[in-house]
Amino acid sequence: NAGLLLVLGAVALGPDARAQATPDERLRGDYVVVGGDIPFGNANAIYILDTANQEMVAIRWNPGAGAAGRLEPIGYRDLRADAESRTGR
């Protein structure tokens, strides 16, 4: 029983576990990748959603850029800021 009491005391008095990062820290990303259309041009986009940090980036493949082509960024959104700024709903 004394051993169990020591373990309980160590757990209770130990450092707190944090499930959420502080605002100046980034969480390790948890990504979802989806392909879709874009409203301009004749190419499709790849949408990469980071669900842990609530951010999204859109990129497209440009085959005419250089010999091998390259990925080009289209846009970035901070979904957390978008959700906090929504009013009237």
PDB file of N, CA and C in Angstrom:
ATOM      1  N   ASN A   1       0.823  -1.194   0.000  1.00  0.00           N
ATOM      2  CA  ASN A   1       0.000   0.000   0.000  1.00  0.00           C
ATOM      3  C   ASN A   1       0.867   1.257   0.000  1.00  0.00           C
ATOM      4  N   ALA A   2       1.986   1.207   0.699  1.00  0.00           N
ATOM      5  CA  ALA A   2       2.858   2.377   0.747  1.00  0.00           C
ATOM      6  C   ALA A   2       3.429   2.674  -0.634  1.00  0.00           C
ATOM      7  N   GLY A   3       3.737   1.635  -1.397  1.00  0.00           N
ATOM      8  CA  GLY A   3       4.249   1.826  -2.760  1.00  0.00           C
ATOM      9  C   GLY A   3       3.208   2.475  -3.660  1.00  0.00           C
ATOM     10  N   LEU A   4       1.971   2.013  -3.521  1.00  0.00           N
ATOM     11  CA  LEU A   4       0.893   2.617  -4.312  1.00  0.00           C
ATOM     12  C   LEU A   4       0.669   4.071  -3.926  1.00  0.00           C
ATOM     13  N   LEU A   5       0.794   4.365  -2.646  1.00  0.00           N
ATOM     14  CA  LEU A   5       0.633   5.744  -2.180  1.00  0.00           C
ATOM     15  C   LEU A   5       1.747   6.628  -2.737  1.00  0.00           C
ATOM     16  N   LEU A   6       2.968   6.115  -2.818  1.00  0.00           N
ATOM     17  CA  LEU A   6       4.070   6.875  -3.409  1.00  0.00           C
ATOM     18  C   LEU A   6       3.844   7.140  -4.903  1.00  0.00           C
ATOM     19  N   VAL A   7       3.374   6.136  -5.619  1.00  0.00           N
ATOM     20  CA  VAL A   7       3.085   6.313  -7.046  1.00  0.00           C
ATOM     21  C   VAL A   7       1.971   7.326  -7.248  1.00  0.00           C
ATOM     22  N   LEU A   8       0.930   7.255  -6.429  1.00  0.00           N
ATOM     23  CA  LEU A   8      -0.176   8.198  -6.521  1.00  0.00           C
ATOM     24  C   LEU A   8       0.309   9.617  -6.224  1.00  0.00           C
ATOM     25  N   GLY A   9       1.158   9.768  -5.245  1.00  0.00           N
ATOM     26  CA  GLY A   9       1.707  11.087  -4.922  1.00  0.00           C
ATOM     27  C   GLY A   9       2.571  11.631  -6.041  1.00  0.00           C
ATOM     28  N   ALA A  10       3.372  10.770  -6.665  1.00  0.00           N
ATOM     29  CA  ALA A  10       4.223  11.210  -7.777  1.00  0.00           C
ATOM     30  C   ALA A  10       3.388  11.652  -8.970  1.00  0.00           C
ATOM     31  N   VAL A  11       2.315  10.936  -9.248  1.00  0.00           N
ATOM     32  CA  VAL A  11       1.444  11.303 -10.371  1.00  0.00           C
ATOM     33  C   VAL A  11       0.688  12.585 -10.053  1.00  0.00           C
ATOM     34  N   ALA A  12       0.188  12.708  -8.849  1.00  0.00           N
ATOM     35  CA  ALA A  12      -0.601  13.888  -8.481  1.00  0.00           C
ATOM     36  C   ALA A  12       0.260  15.147  -8.401  1.00  0.00           C
ATOM     37  N   LEU A  13       1.499  15.024  -7.965  1.00  0.00           N
ATOM     38  CA  LEU A  13       2.361  16.191  -7.810  1.00  0.00           C
ATOM     39  C   LEU A  13       3.279  16.433  -8.996  1.00  0.00           C
ATOM     40  N   GLY A  14       3.235  15.571  -9.986  1.00  0.00           N
ATOM     41  CA  GLY A  14       4.087  15.710 -11.166  1.00  0.00           C
ATOM     42  C   GLY A  14       3.598  16.836 -12.068  1.00  0.00           C
ATOM     43  N   PRO A  15       4.333  17.089 -13.143  1.00  0.00           N
ATOM     44  CA  PRO A  15       3.948  18.159 -14.057  1.00  0.00           C
ATOM     45  C   PRO A  15       2.632  17.845 -14.754  1.00  0.00           C
ATOM     46  N   ASP A  16       1.895  18.920 -15.085  1.00  0.00           N
ATOM     47  CA  ASP A  16       0.615  18.753 -15.763  1.00  0.00           C
ATOM     48  C   ASP A  16       0.832  18.316 -17.202  1.00  0.00           C
ATOM     49  N   ALA A  17      -0.049  17.476 -17.689  1.00  0.00           N
ATOM     50  CA  ALA A  17      -0.047  17.094 -19.096  1.00  0.00           C
ATOM     51  C   ALA A  17      -0.876  18.110 -19.863  1.00  0.00           C
ATOM     52  N   ARG A  18      -0.389  18.486 -21.040  1.00  0.00           N
ATOM     53  CA  ARG A  18      -1.116  19.473 -21.835  1.00  0.00           C
ATOM     54  C   ARG A  18      -1.653  18.805 -23.087  1.00  0.00           C
ATOM     55  N   ALA A  19      -2.957  18.866 -23.275  1.00  0.00           N
ATOM     56  CA  ALA A  19      -3.562  18.335 -24.484  1.00  0.00           C
ATOM     57  C   ALA A  19      -3.630  19.398 -25.565  1.00  0.00           C
ATOM     58  N   GLN A  20      -3.598  20.653 -25.187  1.00  0.00           N
ATOM     59  CA  GLN A  20      -3.665  21.762 -26.140  1.00  0.00           C
ATOM     60  C   GLN A  20      -2.364  22.551 -26.076  1.00  0.00           C
ATOM     61  N   ALA A  21      -1.916  23.015 -27.216  1.00  0.00           N
ATOM     62  CA  ALA A  21      -0.720  23.852 -27.255  1.00  0.00           C
ATOM     63  C   ALA A  21      -1.095  25.279 -26.875  1.00  0.00           C
ATOM     64  N   THR A  22      -0.142  26.001 -26.356  1.00  0.00           N
ATOM     65  CA  THR A  22      -0.382  27.414 -26.095  1.00  0.00           C
ATOM     66  C   THR A  22      -0.449  28.144 -27.432  1.00  0.00           C
ATOM     67  N   PRO A  23      -0.988  29.354 -27.479  1.00  0.00           N
ATOM     68  CA  PRO A  23      -1.168  30.037 -28.762  1.00  0.00           C
ATOM     69  C   PRO A  23       0.113  30.237 -29.565  1.00  0.00           C
ATOM     70  N   ASP A  24       1.265  30.299 -28.923  1.00  0.00           N
ATOM     71  CA  ASP A  24       2.503  30.507 -29.665  1.00  0.00           C
ATOM     72  C   ASP A  24       3.182  29.197 -30.081  1.00  0.00           C
ATOM     73  N   GLU A  25       2.589  28.062 -29.776  1.00  0.00           N
ATOM     74  CA  GLU A  25       3.137  26.762 -30.159  1.00  0.00           C
ATOM     75  C   GLU A  25       2.298  26.150 -31.271  1.00  0.00           C
ATOM     76  N   ARG A  26       2.943  25.385 -32.150  1.00  0.00           N
ATOM     77  CA  ARG A  26       2.210  24.643 -33.176  1.00  0.00           C
ATOM     78  C   ARG A  26       2.121  23.190 -32.757  1.00  0.00           C
ATOM     79  N   LEU A  27       0.962  22.605 -32.971  1.00  0.00           N
ATOM     80  CA  LEU A  27       0.783  21.188 -32.740  1.00  0.00           C
ATOM     81  C   LEU A  27       1.373  20.413 -33.914  1.00  0.00           C
ATOM     82  N   ARG A  28       1.675  19.160 -33.688  1.00  0.00           N
ATOM     83  CA  ARG A  28       2.119  18.308 -34.783  1.00  0.00           C
ATOM     84  C   ARG A  28       0.937  18.147 -35.733  1.00  0.00           C
ATOM     85  N   GLY A  29       1.169  18.330 -37.020  1.00  0.00           N
ATOM     86  CA  GLY A  29       0.093  18.338 -38.010  1.00  0.00           C
ATOM     87  C   GLY A  29      -0.593  16.995 -38.178  1.00  0.00           C
ATOM     88  N   ASP A  30      -1.868  17.064 -38.470  1.00  0.00           N
ATOM     89  CA  ASP A  30      -2.677  15.908 -38.826  1.00  0.00           C
ATOM     90  C   ASP A  30      -3.347  16.292 -40.140  1.00  0.00           C
ATOM     91  N   TYR A  31      -2.931  15.700 -41.252  1.00  0.00           N
ATOM     92  CA  TYR A  31      -3.261  16.215 -42.570  1.00  0.00           C
ATOM     93  C   TYR A  31      -4.317  15.398 -43.286  1.00  0.00           C
ATOM     94  N   VAL A  32      -5.131  16.123 -44.065  1.00  0.00           N
ATOM     95  CA  VAL A  32      -6.085  15.535 -44.996  1.00  0.00           C
ATOM     96  C   VAL A  32      -5.799  16.185 -46.343  1.00  0.00           C
ATOM     97  N   VAL A  33      -5.671  15.368 -47.395  1.00  0.00           N
ATOM     98  CA  VAL A  33      -5.371  15.883 -48.728  1.00  0.00           C
ATOM     99  C   VAL A  33      -6.521  15.514 -49.648  1.00  0.00           C
ATOM    100  N   VAL A  34      -7.038  16.535 -50.372  1.00  0.00           N
ATOM    101  CA  VAL A  34      -8.170  16.337 -51.268  1.00  0.00           C
ATOM    102  C   VAL A  34      -7.879  17.059 -52.579  1.00  0.00           C
ATOM    103  N   GLY A  35      -8.212  16.439 -53.687  1.00  0.00           N
ATOM    104  CA  GLY A  35      -8.087  17.083 -54.985  1.00  0.00           C
ATOM    105  C   GLY A  35      -9.415  17.704 -55.380  1.00  0.00           C
ATOM    106  N   GLY A  36      -9.356  18.793 -56.143  1.00  0.00           N
ATOM    107  CA  GLY A  36     -10.583  19.431 -56.574  1.00  0.00           C
ATOM    108  C   GLY A  36     -10.342  20.475 -57.640  1.00  0.00           C
ATOM    109  N   ASP A  37     -11.433  21.041 -58.133  1.00  0.00           N
ATOM    110  CA  ASP A  37     -11.378  22.066 -59.164  1.00  0.00           C
ATOM    111  C   ASP A  37     -11.047  23.416 -58.561  1.00  0.00           C
ATOM    112  N   ILE A  38     -10.507  24.295 -59.398  1.00  0.00           N
ATOM    113  CA  ILE A  38     -10.304  25.688 -59.016  1.00  0.00           C
ATOM    114  C   ILE A  38     -11.106  26.549 -59.985  1.00  0.00           C
ATOM    115  N   PRO A  39     -11.582  27.699 -59.528  1.00  0.00           N
ATOM    116  CA  PRO A  39     -12.469  28.499 -60.373  1.00  0.00           C
ATOM    117  C   PRO A  39     -11.758  29.229 -61.514  1.00  0.00           C
ATOM    118  N   PHE A  40     -10.456  29.177 -61.593  1.00  0.00           N
ATOM    119  CA  PHE A  40      -9.732  29.861 -62.663  1.00  0.00           C
ATOM    120  C   PHE A  40      -8.738  28.905 -63.287  1.00  0.00           C
ATOM    121  N   GLY A  41      -8.400  29.124 -64.530  1.00  0.00           N
ATOM    122  CA  GLY A  41      -7.435  28.271 -65.202  1.00  0.00           C
ATOM    123  C   GLY A  41      -8.040  26.945 -65.615  1.00  0.00           C
ATOM    124  N   ASN A  42      -7.225  26.103 -66.188  1.00  0.00           N
ATOM    125  CA  ASN A  42      -7.700  24.791 -66.633  1.00  0.00           C
ATOM    126  C   ASN A  42      -7.070  23.660 -65.838  1.00  0.00           C
ATOM    127  N   ALA A  43      -6.535  23.951 -64.673  1.00  0.00           N
ATOM    128  CA  ALA A  43      -5.881  22.939 -63.841  1.00  0.00           C
ATOM    129  C   ALA A  43      -6.749  22.612 -62.626  1.00  0.00           C
ATOM    130  N   ASN A  44      -6.406  21.548 -61.974  1.00  0.00           N
ATOM    131  CA  ASN A  44      -7.034  21.183 -60.710  1.00  0.00           C
ATOM    132  C   ASN A  44      -6.104  21.562 -59.572  1.00  0.00           C
ATOM    133  N   ALA A  45      -6.643  21.559 -58.361  1.00  0.00           N
ATOM    134  CA  ALA A  45      -5.860  21.933 -57.190  1.00  0.00           C
ATOM    135  C   ALA A  45      -5.779  20.769 -56.219  1.00  0.00           C
ATOM    136  N   ILE A  46      -4.786  20.828 -55.372  1.00  0.00           N
ATOM    137  CA  ILE A  46      -4.656  19.910 -54.248  1.00  0.00           C
ATOM    138  C   ILE A  46      -4.855  20.756 -52.997  1.00  0.00           C
ATOM    139  N   TYR A  47      -5.831  20.407 -52.198  1.00  0.00           N
ATOM    140  CA  TYR A  47      -6.116  21.112 -50.951  1.00  0.00           C
ATOM    141  C   TYR A  47      -5.546  20.294 -49.804  1.00  0.00           C
ATOM    142  N   ILE A  48      -4.679  20.896 -49.005  1.00  0.00           N
ATOM    143  CA  ILE A  48      -4.059  20.213 -47.869  1.00  0.00           C
ATOM    144  C   ILE A  48      -4.583  20.879 -46.606  1.00  0.00           C
ATOM    145  N   LEU A  49      -5.313  20.118 -45.816  1.00  0.00           N
ATOM    146  CA  LEU A  49      -5.922  20.622 -44.585  1.00  0.00           C
ATOM    147  C   LEU A  49      -5.178  20.053 -43.389  1.00  0.00           C
ATOM    148  N   ASP A  50      -4.675  20.930 -42.542  1.00  0.00           N
ATOM    149  CA  ASP A  50      -4.032  20.542 -41.289  1.00  0.00           C
ATOM    150  C   ASP A  50      -5.087  20.681 -40.197  1.00  0.00           C
ATOM    151  N   THR A  51      -5.677  19.565 -39.794  1.00  0.00           N
ATOM    152  CA  THR A  51      -6.784  19.617 -38.836  1.00  0.00           C
ATOM    153  C   THR A  51      -6.315  19.968 -37.430  1.00  0.00           C
ATOM    154  N   ALA A  52      -5.079  19.647 -37.081  1.00  0.00           N
ATOM    155  CA  ALA A  52      -4.584  19.950 -35.736  1.00  0.00           C
ATOM    156  C   ALA A  52      -4.387  21.452 -35.545  1.00  0.00           C
ATOM    157  N   ASN A  53      -3.859  22.134 -36.560  1.00  0.00           N
ATOM    158  CA  ASN A  53      -3.593  23.566 -36.462  1.00  0.00           C
ATOM    159  C   ASN A  53      -4.652  24.412 -37.153  1.00  0.00           C
ATOM    160  N   GLN A  54      -5.654  23.762 -37.754  1.00  0.00           N
ATOM    161  CA  GLN A  54      -6.772  24.412 -38.425  1.00  0.00           C
ATOM    162  C   GLN A  54      -6.298  25.389 -39.490  1.00  0.00           C
ATOM    163  N   GLU A  55      -5.496  24.873 -40.411  1.00  0.00           N
ATOM    164  CA  GLU A  55      -4.981  25.656 -41.521  1.00  0.00           C
ATOM    165  C   GLU A  55      -5.177  24.877 -42.814  1.00  0.00           C
ATOM    166  N   MET A  56      -5.314  25.611 -43.929  1.00  0.00           N
ATOM    167  CA  MET A  56      -5.478  24.963 -45.219  1.00  0.00           C
ATOM    168  C   MET A  56      -4.633  25.699 -46.251  1.00  0.00           C
ATOM    169  N   VAL A  57      -4.019  24.928 -47.144  1.00  0.00           N
ATOM    170  CA  VAL A  57      -3.251  25.495 -48.243  1.00  0.00           C
ATOM    171  C   VAL A  57      -3.716  24.804 -49.527  1.00  0.00           C
ATOM    172  N   ALA A  58      -3.764  25.575 -50.615  1.00  0.00           N
ATOM    173  CA  ALA A  58      -4.119  25.021 -51.921  1.00  0.00           C
ATOM    174  C   ALA A  58      -2.911  25.173 -52.835  1.00  0.00           C
ATOM    175  N   ILE A  59      -2.592  24.104 -53.557  1.00  0.00           N
ATOM    176  CA  ILE A  59      -1.472  24.128 -54.492  1.00  0.00           C
ATOM    177  C   ILE A  59      -1.922  23.507 -55.809  1.00  0.00           C
ATOM    178  N   ARG A  60      -1.190  23.812 -56.886  1.00  0.00           N
ATOM    179  CA  ARG A  60      -1.478  23.196 -58.179  1.00  0.00           C
ATOM    180  C   ARG A  60      -0.173  22.811 -58.856  1.00  0.00           C
ATOM    181  N   TRP A  61      -0.281  21.881 -59.786  1.00  0.00           N
ATOM    182  CA  TRP A  61       0.872  21.445 -60.555  1.00  0.00           C
ATOM    183  C   TRP A  61       0.955  22.284 -61.820  1.00  0.00           C
ATOM    184  N   ASN A  62       2.127  22.872 -62.080  1.00  0.00           N
ATOM    185  CA  ASN A  62       2.361  23.644 -63.288  1.00  0.00           C
ATOM    186  C   ASN A  62       3.380  22.893 -64.135  1.00  0.00           C
ATOM    187  N   PRO A  63       2.916  22.166 -65.170  1.00  0.00           N
ATOM    188  CA  PRO A  63       3.853  21.382 -65.975  1.00  0.00           C
ATOM    189  C   PRO A  63       4.750  22.241 -66.849  1.00  0.00           C
ATOM    190  N   GLY A  64       4.390  23.496 -67.092  1.00  0.00           N
ATOM    191  CA  GLY A  64       5.179  24.353 -67.957  1.00  0.00           C
ATOM    192  C   GLY A  64       6.291  25.097 -67.251  1.00  0.00           C
ATOM    193  N   ALA A  65       6.448  24.916 -65.966  1.00  0.00           N
ATOM    194  CA  ALA A  65       7.471  25.640 -65.194  1.00  0.00           C
ATOM    195  C   ALA A  65       8.744  24.817 -65.126  1.00  0.00           C
ATOM    196  N   GLY A  66       9.653  25.082 -66.013  1.00  0.00           N
ATOM    197  CA  GLY A  66      10.915  24.345 -65.994  1.00  0.00           C
ATOM    198  C   GLY A  66      10.791  23.018 -66.721  1.00  0.00           C
ATOM    199  N   ALA A  67      11.864  22.269 -66.692  1.00  0.00           N
ATOM    200  CA  ALA A  67      11.901  21.002 -67.419  1.00  0.00           C
ATOM    201  C   ALA A  67      10.976  19.956 -66.808  1.00  0.00           C
ATOM    202  N   ALA A  68      10.895  19.926 -65.490  1.00  0.00           N
ATOM    203  CA  ALA A  68      10.103  18.886 -64.835  1.00  0.00           C
ATOM    204  C   ALA A  68       8.788  19.400 -64.277  1.00  0.00           C
ATOM    205  N   GLY A  69       8.524  20.703 -64.357  1.00  0.00           N
ATOM    206  CA  GLY A  69       7.320  21.255 -63.752  1.00  0.00           C
ATOM    207  C   GLY A  69       7.531  21.460 -62.261  1.00  0.00           C
ATOM    208  N   ARG A  70       6.534  22.066 -61.627  1.00  0.00           N
ATOM    209  CA  ARG A  70       6.651  22.282 -60.181  1.00  0.00           C
ATOM    210  C   ARG A  70       5.284  22.532 -59.556  1.00  0.00           C
ATOM    211  N   LEU A  71       5.225  22.384 -58.246  1.00  0.00           N
ATOM    212  CA  LEU A  71       4.027  22.712 -57.487  1.00  0.00           C
ATOM    213  C   LEU A  71       4.045  24.201 -57.170  1.00  0.00           C
ATOM    214  N   GLU A  72       2.910  24.864 -57.387  1.00  0.00           N
ATOM    215  CA  GLU A  72       2.802  26.295 -57.115  1.00  0.00           C
ATOM    216  C   GLU A  72       1.725  26.530 -56.070  1.00  0.00           C
ATOM    217  N   PRO A  73       2.005  27.349 -55.075  1.00  0.00           N
ATOM    218  CA  PRO A  73       0.968  27.666 -54.087  1.00  0.00           C
ATOM    219  C   PRO A  73      -0.098  28.574 -54.696  1.00  0.00           C
ATOM    220  N   ILE A  74      -1.343  28.310 -54.357  1.00  0.00           N
ATOM    221  CA  ILE A  74      -2.462  29.137 -54.817  1.00  0.00           C
ATOM    222  C   ILE A  74      -2.943  30.030 -53.686  1.00  0.00           C
ATOM    223  N   GLY A  75      -3.112  29.437 -52.493  1.00  0.00           N
ATOM    224  CA  GLY A  75      -3.615  30.226 -51.386  1.00  0.00           C
ATOM    225  C   GLY A  75      -3.476  29.515 -50.057  1.00  0.00           C
ATOM    226  N   TYR A  76      -3.663  30.294 -49.000  1.00  0.00           N
ATOM    227  CA  TYR A  76      -3.558  29.814 -47.619  1.00  0.00           C
ATOM    228  C   TYR A  76      -4.720  30.400 -46.826  1.00  0.00           C
ATOM    229  N   ARG A  77      -5.295  29.623 -45.921  1.00  0.00           N
ATOM    230  CA  ARG A  77      -6.352  30.115 -45.030  1.00  0.00           C
ATOM    231  C   ARG A  77      -6.088  29.630 -43.612  1.00  0.00           C
ATOM    232  N   ASP A  78      -6.266  30.529 -42.667  1.00  0.00           N
ATOM    233  CA  ASP A  78      -6.235  30.180 -41.253  1.00  0.00           C
ATOM    234  C   ASP A  78      -7.685  29.949 -40.843  1.00  0.00           C
ATOM    235  N   LEU A  79      -8.099  28.699 -40.773  1.00  0.00           N
ATOM    236  CA  LEU A  79      -9.501  28.374 -40.530  1.00  0.00           C
ATOM    237  C   LEU A  79      -9.951  28.766 -39.130  1.00  0.00           C
ATOM    238  N   ARG A  80      -9.043  28.742 -38.164  1.00  0.00           N
ATOM    239  CA  ARG A  80      -9.396  29.151 -36.804  1.00  0.00           C
ATOM    240  C   ARG A  80      -9.764  30.640 -36.788  1.00  0.00           C
ATOM    241  N   ALA A  81      -8.970  31.464 -37.452  1.00  0.00           N
ATOM    242  CA  ALA A  81      -9.257  32.903 -37.513  1.00  0.00           C
ATOM    243  C   ALA A  81     -10.551  33.155 -38.285  1.00  0.00           C
ATOM    244  N   ASP A  82     -10.785  32.388 -39.343  1.00  0.00           N
ATOM    245  CA  ASP A  82     -12.030  32.536 -40.093  1.00  0.00           C
ATOM    246  C   ASP A  82     -13.240  32.194 -39.227  1.00  0.00           C
ATOM    247  N   ALA A  83     -13.141  31.124 -38.448  1.00  0.00           N
ATOM    248  CA  ALA A  83     -14.260  30.716 -37.593  1.00  0.00           C
ATOM    249  C   ALA A  83     -14.517  31.735 -36.485  1.00  0.00           C
ATOM    250  N   GLU A  84     -13.449  32.320 -35.945  1.00  0.00           N
ATOM    251  CA  GLU A  84     -13.613  33.302 -34.871  1.00  0.00           C
ATOM    252  C   GLU A  84     -14.170  34.630 -35.388  1.00  0.00           C
ATOM    253  N   SER A  85     -13.935  34.939 -36.663  1.00  0.00           N
ATOM    254  CA  SER A  85     -14.385  36.224 -37.195  1.00  0.00           C
ATOM    255  C   SER A  85     -15.792  36.164 -37.749  1.00  0.00           C
ATOM    256  N   ARG A  86     -16.385  34.991 -37.863  1.00  0.00           N
ATOM    257  CA  ARG A  86     -17.748  34.862 -38.400  1.00  0.00           C
ATOM    258  C   ARG A  86     -18.742  35.415 -37.398  1.00  0.00           C
ATOM    259  N   THR A  87     -19.582  36.285 -37.869  1.00  0.00           N
ATOM    260  CA  THR A  87     -20.639  36.849 -37.020  1.00  0.00           C
ATOM    261  C   THR A  87     -21.964  36.693 -37.705  1.00  0.00           C
ATOM    262  N   GLY A  88     -23.043  36.781 -36.948  1.00  0.00           N
ATOM    263  CA  GLY A  88     -24.380  36.723 -37.528  1.00  0.00           C
ATOM    264  C   GLY A  88     -24.929  35.347 -37.749  1.00  0.00           C
ATOM    265  N   ARG A  89     -24.297  34.339 -37.229  1.00  0.00           N
ATOM    266  CA  ARG A  89     -24.852  32.986 -37.367  1.00  0.00           C
ATOM    267  C   ARG A  89     -25.032  32.364 -36.019  1.00  0.00           C
TER     268      ARG A  89
END
